[in-house]
Amino acid sequence: MNPGDYERIQAIVSVPYGACPSATALERYFPTVKPETWLAMYSQEQQYKVIRSHHLHKANVLNYLSRYLNGEDILLMAADVDFPPCMLLRRMLEKIIDAPKQASRGLQAVGEVLRCPDRLDSGLCPGAPPELVERLRADIVRCVHADCCYSPLSDVAKQVTGLEYELYLQQRLAATKLPYWSESELRQLGFHKTPDVKLKVPVAVRTRSGSEHLVCWVDSKATFGDHRTHVKQVQEQYCTYVNRYGPGLVIYWFGFVEDLNTDPHVLLLDDFPDEDSIVRITDGHMRPPAAAKEPPPVQQQQRPQRPPAAAKELVQQQQPQQLPAASAAAGSGDAASAAVGTGAAMPVVAAAVAADGMAAVASNVPDAGGDVGAGGAAESADGKLSGGAHVAAAATQEPSCAAGDTGDDAATTARTTGW
């Protein structure tokens, strides 16, 4: 409903209590507006009027009671003060029943009397004449039938209407095959603030303008959505639903003012969306999520394995038995200097030997390490091994801490051999 039509209809239904709005004028000027809509607007307008003026009538209740005891009709007095008959009678009964001996029963007895007038007897009204008790019983029945907003019958009618539209919402969901949790099921699951329906799989609803809104929950309102009602519901309910469940849909079955539909998280409709307006999130329409790029595997340094016994024999066979004469002649360090000066790589022909995580490598390169100084290698004629032979011989034995070798000694040996 556009704001202009809402203001004109509100002016027609804003009548004093006891008077009825002109249904003929409403049907003539607003043929597209359903009777349920303007009846809901009339009921809401009466409720707002009671909220604004309740404190004034409560302060004058003794004056109203005096007028009633003097014989004034309850319905005419309610129309004169513009107050609902059941509300007026309730305030007077609170003064009549709330005697010192009945203080423990108090307001609870008033509600029971309005629902069942036969409960009103001389015991609840001590000192009241029987004629007054009979008059009160008859006036309770009259007020309940005359009051269309605050009587026990109107309360039952509002409750039943709300339940009927909640059931209708569930039937529409079942017809469209949308799985959901009802409000009672959500409370059994431990949720505190619950809408009427929580969808198990969210959907998108396409409006008449072509925009699409994500819907995770649906709330049914068997009333008309005006500014005052909607703002109150947003503060008390809709904000908590959005914070807990995400964006949702509110259906005002009796219509709402168009300029209220501005919240991007709460979509307002006056009916359940049809099948063509619902965009389902199914496996056929979902885009598969992009696969996350896995980081390259970290290459772990493998622990060297102990070579078999055949490898040790190979090391012994490849050991140089005797340095050639050229090597002996280079005892002054010329050959070693030439090898370093040319930058030639030092070949490794021996196998690695590992024990408890430490490695030693044997090599047949000319010895330039600490075992042979500038004086060079000893001659084979003296019966002594050269420095390279010392290293090769050491490579055939397992490193052992008991023999004096440590991790630093093994690393020094590896650097000496050029591994």
Protein backbone atom coordinates (compact mmCIF):
# COMPACT_ATOMS: atom_id res chain seq x y z
CA MET A 1 0.00 0.00 0.00
CA ASN A 2 1.34 3.42 -0.92
CA PRO A 3 1.65 6.03 1.86
CA GLY A 4 -1.11 8.22 0.40
CA ASP A 5 -3.76 5.50 0.53
CA TYR A 6 -2.61 4.53 4.01
CA GLU A 7 -3.18 8.05 5.35
CA ARG A 8 -6.65 8.31 3.79
CA ILE A 9 -7.75 4.92 5.15
CA GLN A 10 -6.35 5.77 8.57
CA ALA A 11 -8.44 8.95 8.64
CA ILE A 12 -11.59 6.89 7.99
CA VAL A 13 -10.92 4.23 10.65
CA SER A 14 -9.89 6.75 13.33
CA VAL A 15 -13.32 7.01 14.97
CA PRO A 16 -14.29 7.25 18.67
CA TYR A 17 -14.60 4.01 20.55
CA GLY A 18 -18.03 2.50 20.11
CA ALA A 19 -18.43 3.86 16.59
CA CYS A 20 -17.75 1.78 13.49
CA PRO A 21 -15.84 2.95 10.42
CA SER A 22 -17.84 3.26 7.23
CA ALA A 23 -17.38 0.03 5.32
CA THR A 24 -19.32 1.48 2.38
CA ALA A 25 -16.91 4.39 1.99
CA LEU A 26 -13.90 2.10 2.25
CA GLU A 27 -15.22 -0.27 -0.42
CA ARG A 28 -16.12 2.61 -2.71
CA TYR A 29 -12.85 4.55 -2.54
CA PHE A 30 -10.50 1.61 -2.04
CA PRO A 31 -11.94 -1.36 -3.94
CA THR A 32 -8.60 -3.19 -4.05
CA VAL A 33 -8.17 -3.11 -0.26
CA LYS A 34 -9.45 -6.23 1.44
CA PRO A 35 -11.80 -5.87 4.45
CA GLU A 36 -9.28 -7.73 6.60
CA THR A 37 -6.77 -4.98 5.90
CA TRP A 38 -8.80 -2.00 7.07
CA LEU A 39 -10.19 -4.00 10.02
CA ALA A 40 -6.60 -4.66 11.11
CA MET A 41 -5.83 -0.95 10.68
CA TYR A 42 -8.87 -0.07 12.83
CA SER A 43 -7.80 -2.48 15.58
CA GLN A 44 -4.27 -1.08 15.62
CA GLU A 45 -5.53 2.50 15.78
CA GLN A 46 -7.64 1.67 18.84
CA GLN A 47 -4.65 0.03 20.52
CA TYR A 48 -2.49 3.11 19.94
CA LYS A 49 -5.23 5.29 21.38
CA VAL A 50 -5.37 3.17 24.55
CA ILE A 51 -1.59 3.30 24.96
CA ARG A 52 -1.63 7.09 24.74
CA SER A 53 -4.50 7.65 27.18
CA HIS A 54 -4.40 4.69 29.57
CA HIS A 55 -2.68 6.58 32.39
CA LEU A 56 -5.36 9.30 32.29
CA HIS A 57 -8.25 6.83 32.60
CA LYS A 58 -6.51 4.90 35.35
CA ALA A 59 -6.26 8.09 37.39
CA ASN A 60 -10.04 8.76 36.98
CA VAL A 61 -11.21 5.23 37.79
CA LEU A 62 -12.84 6.30 41.07
CA ASN A 63 -14.88 8.87 39.20
CA TYR A 64 -15.98 6.23 36.70
CA LEU A 65 -16.90 3.85 39.53
CA SER A 66 -19.01 6.52 41.18
CA ARG A 67 -20.88 7.13 37.95
CA TYR A 68 -21.48 3.42 37.53
CA LEU A 69 -22.80 2.99 41.07
CA ASN A 70 -25.16 5.87 40.43
CA GLY A 71 -26.76 3.83 37.62
CA GLU A 72 -24.98 5.02 34.46
CA ASP A 73 -24.78 2.43 31.68
CA ILE A 74 -21.31 0.96 31.22
CA LEU A 75 -21.37 0.99 27.40
CA LEU A 76 -22.54 4.58 27.17
CA MET A 77 -19.95 5.67 29.70
CA ALA A 78 -17.19 3.88 27.73
CA ALA A 79 -18.26 5.67 24.55
CA ASP A 80 -18.36 8.99 26.42
CA VAL A 81 -14.80 8.72 27.76
CA ASP A 82 -13.58 7.02 24.54
CA PHE A 83 -12.19 3.96 26.32
CA PRO A 84 -12.76 0.25 25.56
CA PRO A 85 -15.61 -1.21 27.66
CA CYS A 86 -13.64 -4.23 28.87
CA MET A 87 -10.71 -2.03 29.91
CA LEU A 88 -13.04 0.31 31.77
CA LEU A 89 -14.83 -2.53 33.54
CA ARG A 90 -11.51 -4.19 34.42
CA ARG A 91 -10.26 -1.05 36.19
CA MET A 92 -13.48 -0.75 38.19
CA LEU A 93 -13.43 -4.44 39.18
CA GLU A 94 -9.88 -3.98 40.46
CA LYS A 95 -11.21 -1.42 42.93
CA ILE A 96 -14.24 -3.49 43.88
CA ILE A 97 -12.49 -6.87 44.32
CA ASP A 98 -9.21 -5.58 45.71
CA ALA A 99 -10.51 -5.33 49.29
CA PRO A 100 -8.13 -5.92 52.23
CA LYS A 101 -9.33 -9.52 52.69
CA GLN A 102 -8.98 -10.25 48.96
CA ALA A 103 -5.58 -8.61 48.41
CA SER A 104 -3.90 -12.00 48.00
CA ARG A 105 -6.11 -12.84 45.01
CA GLY A 106 -5.97 -9.38 43.45
CA LEU A 107 -5.66 -8.98 39.71
CA GLN A 108 -5.79 -12.70 38.98
CA ALA A 109 -9.39 -12.82 40.13
CA VAL A 110 -10.29 -9.95 37.77
CA GLY A 111 -9.07 -11.86 34.74
CA GLU A 112 -10.92 -14.99 35.82
CA VAL A 113 -14.13 -13.03 36.26
CA LEU A 114 -13.89 -11.48 32.79
CA ARG A 115 -13.41 -14.93 31.26
CA CYS A 116 -16.15 -16.52 33.38
CA PRO A 117 -18.69 -14.09 34.92
CA ASP A 118 -20.17 -16.85 37.12
CA ARG A 119 -17.04 -16.68 39.28
CA LEU A 120 -18.15 -13.28 40.53
CA ASP A 121 -20.01 -13.77 43.81
CA SER A 122 -20.44 -12.06 47.13
CA GLY A 123 -17.21 -13.64 48.36
CA LEU A 124 -15.19 -11.60 45.86
CA CYS A 125 -17.19 -8.46 46.57
CA PRO A 126 -17.49 -8.28 50.34
CA GLY A 127 -20.14 -5.82 51.44
CA ALA A 128 -21.61 -5.45 47.95
CA PRO A 129 -25.37 -5.90 47.67
CA PRO A 130 -26.62 -8.87 45.63
CA GLU A 131 -28.20 -6.50 43.08
CA LEU A 132 -24.80 -4.97 42.30
CA VAL A 133 -23.23 -8.41 41.87
CA GLU A 134 -25.95 -9.44 39.41
CA ARG A 135 -25.56 -6.19 37.51
CA LEU A 136 -21.82 -6.66 37.26
CA ARG A 137 -22.27 -10.17 35.85
CA ALA A 138 -24.65 -8.95 33.17
CA ASP A 139 -22.41 -6.01 32.24
CA ILE A 140 -19.40 -8.31 31.93
CA VAL A 141 -21.22 -10.30 29.24
CA ARG A 142 -22.29 -7.12 27.43
CA CYS A 143 -18.79 -5.63 27.46
CA VAL A 144 -17.16 -8.83 26.23
CA HIS A 145 -19.47 -8.94 23.21
CA ALA A 146 -19.21 -5.20 22.49
CA ASP A 147 -15.43 -4.85 22.77
CA CYS A 148 -13.68 -5.98 19.59
CA CYS A 149 -10.13 -5.17 20.74
CA TYR A 150 -9.63 -5.92 24.46
CA SER A 151 -12.18 -8.58 25.37
CA PRO A 152 -11.24 -12.20 26.08
CA LEU A 153 -13.05 -13.16 22.87
CA SER A 154 -10.97 -10.75 20.80
CA ASP A 155 -7.79 -12.09 22.42
CA VAL A 156 -8.76 -15.63 21.42
CA ALA A 157 -9.63 -14.48 17.90
CA LYS A 158 -6.23 -12.78 17.48
CA GLN A 159 -4.40 -15.84 18.78
CA VAL A 160 -6.31 -18.21 16.51
CA THR A 161 -5.75 -15.96 13.49
CA GLY A 162 -2.02 -15.91 14.14
CA LEU A 163 -1.89 -19.71 14.45
CA GLU A 164 -3.92 -20.15 11.26
CA TYR A 165 -1.51 -18.04 9.23
CA GLU A 166 1.50 -19.81 10.73
CA LEU A 167 -0.04 -23.12 9.67
CA TYR A 168 -0.75 -21.66 6.23
CA LEU A 169 2.91 -20.61 5.96
CA GLN A 170 4.05 -24.14 6.79
CA GLN A 171 1.68 -25.56 4.19
CA ARG A 172 3.10 -23.25 1.53
CA LEU A 173 6.63 -24.27 2.48
CA ALA A 174 5.69 -27.94 2.25
CA ALA A 175 4.07 -27.36 -1.15
CA THR A 176 7.27 -25.80 -2.49
CA LYS A 177 9.35 -28.59 -0.86
CA LEU A 178 11.50 -26.26 1.21
CA PRO A 179 12.83 -28.01 4.35
CA TYR A 180 12.52 -25.98 7.55
CA TRP A 181 12.46 -26.02 11.34
CA SER A 182 9.31 -24.74 13.04
CA GLU A 183 9.39 -22.48 16.08
CA SER A 184 8.63 -25.34 18.46
CA GLU A 185 11.42 -27.45 16.95
CA LEU A 186 13.89 -24.59 17.32
CA ARG A 187 12.98 -24.22 20.99
CA GLN A 188 13.52 -27.94 21.52
CA LEU A 189 16.98 -27.51 19.99
CA GLY A 190 17.77 -24.85 22.59
CA PHE A 191 17.27 -21.60 20.65
CA HIS A 192 15.90 -18.67 22.66
CA LYS A 193 14.89 -16.06 20.06
CA THR A 194 13.09 -17.98 17.34
CA PRO A 195 11.17 -16.90 14.21
CA ASP A 196 8.16 -18.85 13.01
CA VAL A 197 10.25 -20.76 10.45
CA LYS A 198 14.00 -21.32 10.05
CA LEU A 199 14.94 -22.65 6.62
CA LYS A 200 17.36 -25.56 6.61
CA VAL A 201 18.72 -24.42 3.24
CA PRO A 202 18.60 -20.65 2.53
CA VAL A 203 16.93 -19.46 -0.66
CA ALA A 204 16.90 -16.25 -2.66
CA VAL A 205 13.58 -14.47 -3.28
CA ARG A 206 13.18 -12.35 -6.40
CA THR A 207 10.94 -9.30 -5.90
CA ARG A 208 8.78 -7.52 -8.47
CA SER A 209 11.54 -4.98 -9.09
CA GLY A 210 13.90 -7.80 -10.10
CA SER A 211 16.20 -7.65 -7.08
CA GLU A 212 17.04 -10.82 -5.18
CA HIS A 213 17.21 -11.16 -1.40
CA LEU A 214 18.72 -13.97 0.63
CA VAL A 215 16.21 -15.55 3.03
CA CYS A 216 17.31 -17.71 5.97
CA TRP A 217 14.15 -17.41 8.10
CA VAL A 218 10.48 -16.43 7.69
CA ASP A 219 8.23 -14.71 10.23
CA SER A 220 4.44 -14.60 9.87
CA LYS A 221 2.48 -11.51 10.98
CA ALA A 222 -1.32 -11.68 10.81
CA THR A 223 -1.62 -7.89 10.98
CA PHE A 224 -1.04 -4.73 8.96
CA GLY A 225 2.49 -3.36 8.83
CA ASP A 226 2.47 0.36 9.59
CA HIS A 227 5.33 2.52 10.83
CA ARG A 228 4.66 2.14 14.54
CA THR A 229 4.14 -1.61 14.43
CA HIS A 230 7.10 -2.28 12.17
CA VAL A 231 9.58 -0.16 14.13
CA LYS A 232 8.61 -1.93 17.35
CA GLN A 233 8.95 -5.36 15.76
CA VAL A 234 12.35 -4.45 14.31
CA GLN A 235 13.67 -3.50 17.73
CA GLU A 236 12.19 -6.45 19.61
CA GLN A 237 12.44 -9.30 17.08
CA TYR A 238 13.86 -8.73 13.62
CA CYS A 239 17.25 -7.40 14.72
CA THR A 240 17.80 -10.42 16.95
CA TYR A 241 16.81 -12.78 14.13
CA VAL A 242 19.25 -11.13 11.72
CA ASN A 243 22.08 -11.27 14.25
CA ARG A 244 21.47 -14.96 14.96
CA TYR A 245 20.34 -16.43 11.66
CA GLY A 246 21.12 -13.92 8.91
CA PRO A 247 18.74 -12.06 6.56
CA GLY A 248 15.12 -13.14 6.42
CA LEU A 249 11.56 -12.55 5.24
CA VAL A 250 8.60 -11.02 7.10
CA ILE A 251 5.11 -11.57 5.70
CA TYR A 252 2.44 -9.04 6.72
CA TRP A 253 -0.60 -10.98 5.53
CA PHE A 254 -2.88 -7.92 5.71
CA GLY A 255 -0.51 -5.62 3.83
CA PHE A 256 2.06 -2.98 4.78
CA VAL A 257 3.15 0.52 3.84
CA GLU A 258 5.52 0.42 0.88
CA ASP A 259 8.14 2.81 2.25
CA LEU A 260 8.89 0.38 5.10
CA ASN A 261 10.59 -2.10 2.75
CA THR A 262 14.02 -0.46 2.93
CA ASP A 263 16.01 -2.80 5.18
CA PRO A 264 18.45 -4.86 3.07
CA HIS A 265 18.43 -7.64 5.70
CA VAL A 266 14.64 -7.94 6.17
CA LEU A 267 12.42 -8.39 3.12
CA LEU A 268 8.74 -7.47 3.51
CA LEU A 269 5.97 -9.19 1.53
CA ASP A 270 2.19 -9.45 1.85
CA ASP A 271 2.05 -13.06 0.64
CA PHE A 272 4.26 -16.10 0.30
CA PRO A 273 6.40 -15.87 -2.86
CA ASP A 274 5.40 -18.08 -5.76
CA GLU A 275 7.53 -20.85 -7.18
CA ASP A 276 9.01 -18.70 -9.96
CA SER A 277 10.24 -16.09 -7.47
CA ILE A 278 12.22 -18.57 -5.37
CA VAL A 279 15.81 -19.22 -6.40
CA ARG A 280 16.91 -22.48 -4.81
CA ILE A 281 20.45 -23.25 -3.78
CA THR A 282 20.90 -26.80 -5.06
CA ASP A 283 23.77 -28.91 -6.27
CA GLY A 284 22.83 -28.26 -9.88
CA HIS A 285 22.95 -24.50 -9.53
CA MET A 286 25.82 -24.13 -7.11
CA ARG A 287 29.22 -23.25 -8.43
CA PRO A 288 31.81 -25.59 -6.94
CA PRO A 289 34.15 -23.76 -4.62
CA ALA A 290 37.60 -23.03 -5.96
CA ALA A 291 40.08 -25.62 -4.81
CA ALA A 292 42.64 -24.20 -2.47
CA LYS A 293 46.16 -24.29 -3.77
CA GLU A 294 48.18 -26.64 -1.65
CA PRO A 295 51.64 -25.44 -0.71
CA PRO A 296 54.50 -27.38 -2.24
CA PRO A 297 55.64 -30.24 -0.05
CA VAL A 298 58.61 -29.52 2.11
CA GLN A 299 61.52 -31.70 1.07
CA GLN A 300 62.92 -33.24 4.17
CA GLN A 301 66.56 -34.13 4.24
CA GLN A 302 66.87 -37.87 4.30
CA ARG A 303 69.03 -39.42 6.90
CA PRO A 304 72.00 -41.22 5.32
CA GLN A 305 71.79 -44.96 5.60
CA ARG A 306 74.58 -47.25 6.69
CA PRO A 307 76.18 -48.84 3.59
CA PRO A 308 76.47 -52.59 3.49
CA ALA A 309 79.70 -54.45 4.08
CA ALA A 310 80.34 -54.71 0.32
CA ALA A 311 80.66 -50.93 0.18
CA LYS A 312 83.43 -51.05 2.77
CA GLU A 313 85.34 -53.57 0.67
CA LEU A 314 84.93 -51.28 -2.36
CA VAL A 315 86.40 -48.42 -0.37
CA GLN A 316 89.40 -50.53 0.58
CA GLN A 317 89.95 -51.60 -3.04
CA GLN A 318 89.88 -47.98 -4.27
CA GLN A 319 92.37 -46.72 -1.72
CA PRO A 320 95.67 -45.52 -3.29
CA GLN A 321 98.38 -47.98 -2.31
CA GLN A 322 101.32 -45.70 -3.00
CA LEU A 323 101.73 -42.16 -4.16
CA PRO A 324 103.52 -41.86 -7.50
CA ALA A 325 106.93 -40.33 -7.73
CA ALA A 326 105.46 -37.09 -8.97
CA SER A 327 103.42 -36.84 -5.82
CA ALA A 328 106.46 -37.56 -3.67
CA ALA A 329 108.41 -34.95 -5.56
CA ALA A 330 105.61 -32.49 -4.88
CA GLY A 331 106.15 -32.81 -1.17
CA SER A 332 107.01 -29.14 -1.11
CA GLY A 333 103.32 -28.37 -1.85
CA ASP A 334 103.66 -27.46 -5.59
CA ALA A 335 101.19 -30.11 -6.72
CA ALA A 336 98.66 -29.07 -4.12
CA SER A 337 99.06 -25.43 -5.07
CA ALA A 338 98.60 -26.27 -8.74
CA ALA A 339 95.40 -28.18 -7.99
CA VAL A 340 93.99 -25.30 -6.00
CA GLY A 341 95.11 -22.73 -8.55
CA THR A 342 93.34 -24.43 -11.44
CA GLY A 343 90.10 -24.64 -9.47
CA ALA A 344 89.57 -28.25 -10.50
CA ALA A 345 86.88 -30.15 -8.69
CA MET A 346 88.03 -32.79 -6.31
CA PRO A 347 86.49 -36.11 -7.35
CA VAL A 348 84.91 -38.28 -4.71
CA VAL A 349 85.18 -41.96 -5.44
CA ALA A 350 84.53 -43.40 -2.00
CA ALA A 351 81.17 -44.27 -0.44
CA ALA A 352 79.64 -42.38 2.48
CA VAL A 353 79.68 -44.15 5.80
CA ALA A 354 76.99 -43.21 8.34
CA ALA A 355 76.69 -44.13 11.96
CA ASP A 356 74.32 -42.45 14.45
CA GLY A 357 73.77 -39.54 12.06
CA MET A 358 77.47 -38.70 11.42
CA ALA A 359 79.13 -39.16 8.01
CA ALA A 360 82.68 -39.53 6.82
CA VAL A 361 83.75 -39.59 3.17
CA ALA A 362 86.86 -41.13 1.73
CA SER A 363 88.62 -39.59 -1.25
CA ASN A 364 91.66 -40.35 -3.37
CA VAL A 365 92.59 -36.72 -3.92
CA PRO A 366 96.12 -35.59 -3.16
CA ASP A 367 96.31 -34.88 0.52
CA ALA A 368 96.32 -31.21 1.33
CA GLY A 369 94.87 -31.58 4.84
CA GLY A 370 96.22 -31.26 8.29
CA ASP A 371 97.77 -34.76 8.36
CA VAL A 372 100.35 -33.71 5.74
CA GLY A 373 102.04 -30.37 6.11
CA ALA A 374 104.16 -28.39 3.72
CA GLY A 375 106.68 -31.16 3.98
CA GLY A 376 104.21 -33.34 2.12
CA ALA A 377 103.74 -37.06 2.17
CA ALA A 378 106.13 -39.72 3.38
CA GLU A 379 107.72 -41.99 0.87
CA SER A 380 106.54 -45.53 0.52
CA ALA A 381 110.11 -46.70 0.96
CA ASP A 382 109.90 -45.65 4.59
CA GLY A 383 106.93 -48.00 5.01
CA LYS A 384 104.53 -45.23 6.05
CA LEU A 385 101.18 -44.29 4.61
CA SER A 386 100.68 -40.89 3.07
CA GLY A 387 98.10 -38.42 4.34
CA GLY A 388 95.53 -39.56 1.75
CA ALA A 389 96.01 -43.14 2.88
CA HIS A 390 95.34 -42.09 6.46
CA VAL A 391 92.01 -40.58 5.40
CA ALA A 392 91.07 -43.61 3.32
CA ALA A 393 91.90 -45.94 6.16
CA ALA A 394 89.82 -43.87 8.54
CA ALA A 395 86.88 -44.07 6.12
CA THR A 396 86.76 -47.85 6.48
CA GLN A 397 86.02 -47.57 10.19
CA GLU A 398 82.77 -46.43 11.83
CA PRO A 399 82.96 -43.11 13.66
CA SER A 400 82.72 -43.65 17.34
CA CYS A 401 82.60 -41.30 20.27
CA ALA A 402 84.60 -43.80 22.25
CA ALA A 403 87.46 -43.50 19.76
CA GLY A 404 87.54 -39.74 20.27
CA ASP A 405 85.51 -38.73 17.19
CA THR A 406 82.75 -36.15 17.71
CA GLY A 407 80.35 -34.37 15.41
CA ASP A 408 82.89 -31.60 14.87
CA ASP A 409 85.60 -34.15 14.00
CA ALA A 410 83.32 -35.75 11.39
CA ALA A 411 82.53 -32.39 9.86
CA THR A 412 86.26 -31.56 9.77
CA THR A 413 86.96 -34.85 8.02
CA ALA A 414 84.26 -34.12 5.44
CA ARG A 415 85.64 -30.67 4.71
CA THR A 416 89.13 -32.11 4.40
CA THR A 417 88.07 -34.61 1.78
CA GLY A 418 86.01 -32.04 -0.15
CA TRP A 419 82.58 -33.78 0.20
